[in-house]
C-alpha cells in the first residue's frame, strides 16, 4: 500500500486491461479484508480463478522487509490454499456473485 514505485492504484489500472477470460469476474469479485493473527487488518485480497491481488497494509516495495510475518503468512496461505487464498473462498465468491447477478437480473425485470 505504501509502494511509491509500483503502487496499488497503478497495478489495479493495468490489471483492468489484461487479456484474460476471467477478467470480468475478477473485477467484480469482492475485495476481502485480510486480518493477521491478532485480528488487525493485514491488507485486502481480491481474487478470482488463478489471479490474486493483495494490498498489504503498512508495506512498501519490499513487503517481506516491511511486514515479515504477514508476508510469510500470505505466501504460506497462497501455497497451501488456505483462508482468503483457498479454493473454497473462490467457490463461495463465485456462488454469491452468480446468485447476486441472477437476483439483480430478475429484480430489474430483464
Protein backbone atom coordinates (compact mmCIF):
# COMPACT_ATOMS: atom_id res chain seq x y z
CA UNK A 1 0.00 0.00 0.00
CA UNK A 2 2.95 2.34 0.56
CA UNK A 3 4.89 1.38 -2.58
CA UNK A 4 5.89 4.52 -4.46
CA UNK A 5 7.32 2.55 -7.38
CA UNK A 6 4.56 0.01 -8.15
CA UNK A 7 1.60 1.30 -6.20
CA UNK A 8 -1.79 -0.29 -5.68
CA UNK A 9 -3.65 2.18 -7.90
CA UNK A 10 -1.34 1.79 -10.90
CA UNK A 11 -1.38 -2.00 -10.53
CA UNK A 12 -5.19 -2.03 -10.41
CA UNK A 13 -5.32 0.09 -13.56
CA UNK A 14 -3.11 -2.15 -15.70
CA UNK A 15 -4.95 -5.22 -14.40
CA UNK A 16 -8.17 -3.81 -15.90
CA UNK A 17 -6.62 -4.10 -19.36
CA UNK A 18 -5.36 -7.69 -19.15
CA UNK A 19 -6.33 -10.08 -21.91
CA UNK A 20 -7.79 -12.86 -19.73
CA UNK A 21 -11.10 -14.70 -19.95
CA UNK A 22 -11.69 -14.34 -16.18
CA UNK A 23 -11.09 -10.59 -16.04
CA UNK A 24 -14.74 -9.54 -15.75
CA UNK A 25 -15.35 -11.93 -12.85
CA UNK A 26 -12.11 -10.81 -11.16
CA UNK A 27 -13.04 -7.14 -11.42
CA UNK A 28 -16.44 -7.81 -9.84
CA UNK A 29 -15.05 -10.16 -7.16
CA UNK A 30 -15.37 -8.90 -3.62
CA UNK A 31 -12.29 -7.32 -2.08
CA UNK A 32 -11.97 -9.03 1.29
CA UNK A 33 -10.34 -7.75 4.47
CA UNK A 34 -7.35 -9.87 5.43
CA UNK A 35 -6.62 -9.95 9.17
CA UNK A 36 -3.46 -11.11 10.89
CA UNK A 37 -3.29 -13.50 13.85
CA UNK A 38 -4.06 -10.63 16.26
CA UNK A 39 -7.20 -9.60 14.39
CA UNK A 40 -5.57 -6.44 12.98
CA UNK A 41 -6.05 -5.52 9.31
CA UNK A 42 -3.12 -7.03 7.38
CA UNK A 43 -4.44 -5.90 4.00
CA UNK A 44 -7.02 -6.62 1.35
CA UNK A 45 -7.40 -9.57 -1.03
CA UNK A 46 -9.30 -9.71 -4.29
CA UNK A 47 -9.22 -12.98 -6.19
CA UNK A 48 -10.82 -14.88 -8.95
CA UNK A 49 -9.60 -18.09 -10.54
CA UNK A 50 -5.82 -18.06 -10.69
CA UNK A 51 -5.45 -14.33 -10.09
CA UNK A 52 -4.97 -12.83 -6.62
CA UNK A 53 -4.34 -9.17 -5.91
CA UNK A 54 -3.19 -8.39 -2.38
CA UNK A 55 -2.64 -4.94 -0.91
CA UNK A 56 -0.53 -5.29 2.25
CA UNK A 57 -1.22 -2.65 4.91
CA UNK A 58 1.84 -0.69 6.02
CA UNK A 59 4.16 -2.22 3.42
CA UNK A 60 6.16 -0.56 0.68
CA UNK A 61 8.04 -2.06 -2.26
CA UNK A 62 9.87 -4.60 -0.07
CA UNK A 63 6.89 -6.29 1.57
CA UNK A 64 8.93 -9.05 3.29
CA UNK A 65 11.14 -6.41 4.90
CA UNK A 66 8.28 -4.13 5.95
CA UNK A 67 5.82 -6.83 7.06
CA UNK A 68 7.80 -10.03 7.54
CA UNK A 69 5.22 -12.08 9.45
CA UNK A 70 2.26 -11.02 7.28
CA UNK A 71 4.33 -11.64 4.15
CA UNK A 72 5.19 -15.15 5.29
CA UNK A 73 1.59 -15.85 6.27
CA UNK A 74 0.34 -14.59 2.89
CA UNK A 75 2.75 -16.78 0.91
CA UNK A 76 2.08 -19.87 3.04
CA UNK A 77 -1.69 -19.41 2.76
CA UNK A 78 -1.43 -18.95 -1.01
CA UNK A 79 0.80 -22.02 -1.49
CA UNK A 80 -1.34 -24.17 0.81
CA UNK A 81 -4.64 -22.74 -0.49
CA UNK A 82 -5.89 -21.68 2.95
CA UNK A 83 -8.06 -18.82 4.20
CA UNK A 84 -8.71 -15.98 1.77
CA UNK A 85 -6.26 -17.68 -0.60
CA UNK A 86 -8.05 -21.04 -0.70
CA UNK A 87 -10.19 -22.64 -3.39
CA UNK A 88 -13.22 -22.76 -1.08
CA UNK A 89 -13.23 -18.97 -0.80
CA UNK A 90 -13.30 -18.57 -4.60
CA UNK A 91 -16.21 -21.04 -4.82
CA UNK A 92 -18.13 -19.07 -2.20
CA UNK A 93 -17.45 -15.83 -4.06
CA UNK A 94 -18.48 -17.45 -7.34
CA UNK A 95 -21.70 -18.77 -5.84
CA UNK A 96 -22.61 -15.43 -4.25
CA UNK A 97 -21.63 -13.47 -7.40
CA UNK A 98 -23.70 -15.72 -9.64
CA UNK A 99 -26.68 -15.65 -7.30
CA UNK A 100 -26.44 -11.87 -6.93
CA UNK A 101 -26.19 -11.45 -10.69
CA UNK A 102 -29.28 -13.63 -11.25
CA UNK A 103 -31.14 -11.83 -8.45
CA UNK A 104 -30.34 -8.42 -9.95
CA UNK A 105 -31.45 -9.62 -13.37
CA UNK A 106 -34.79 -10.79 -12.04
CA UNK A 107 -35.31 -7.77 -9.81
CA UNK A 108 -34.70 -5.35 -12.68
CA UNK A 109 -37.20 -7.13 -14.92
CA UNK A 110 -34.57 -8.16 -17.51
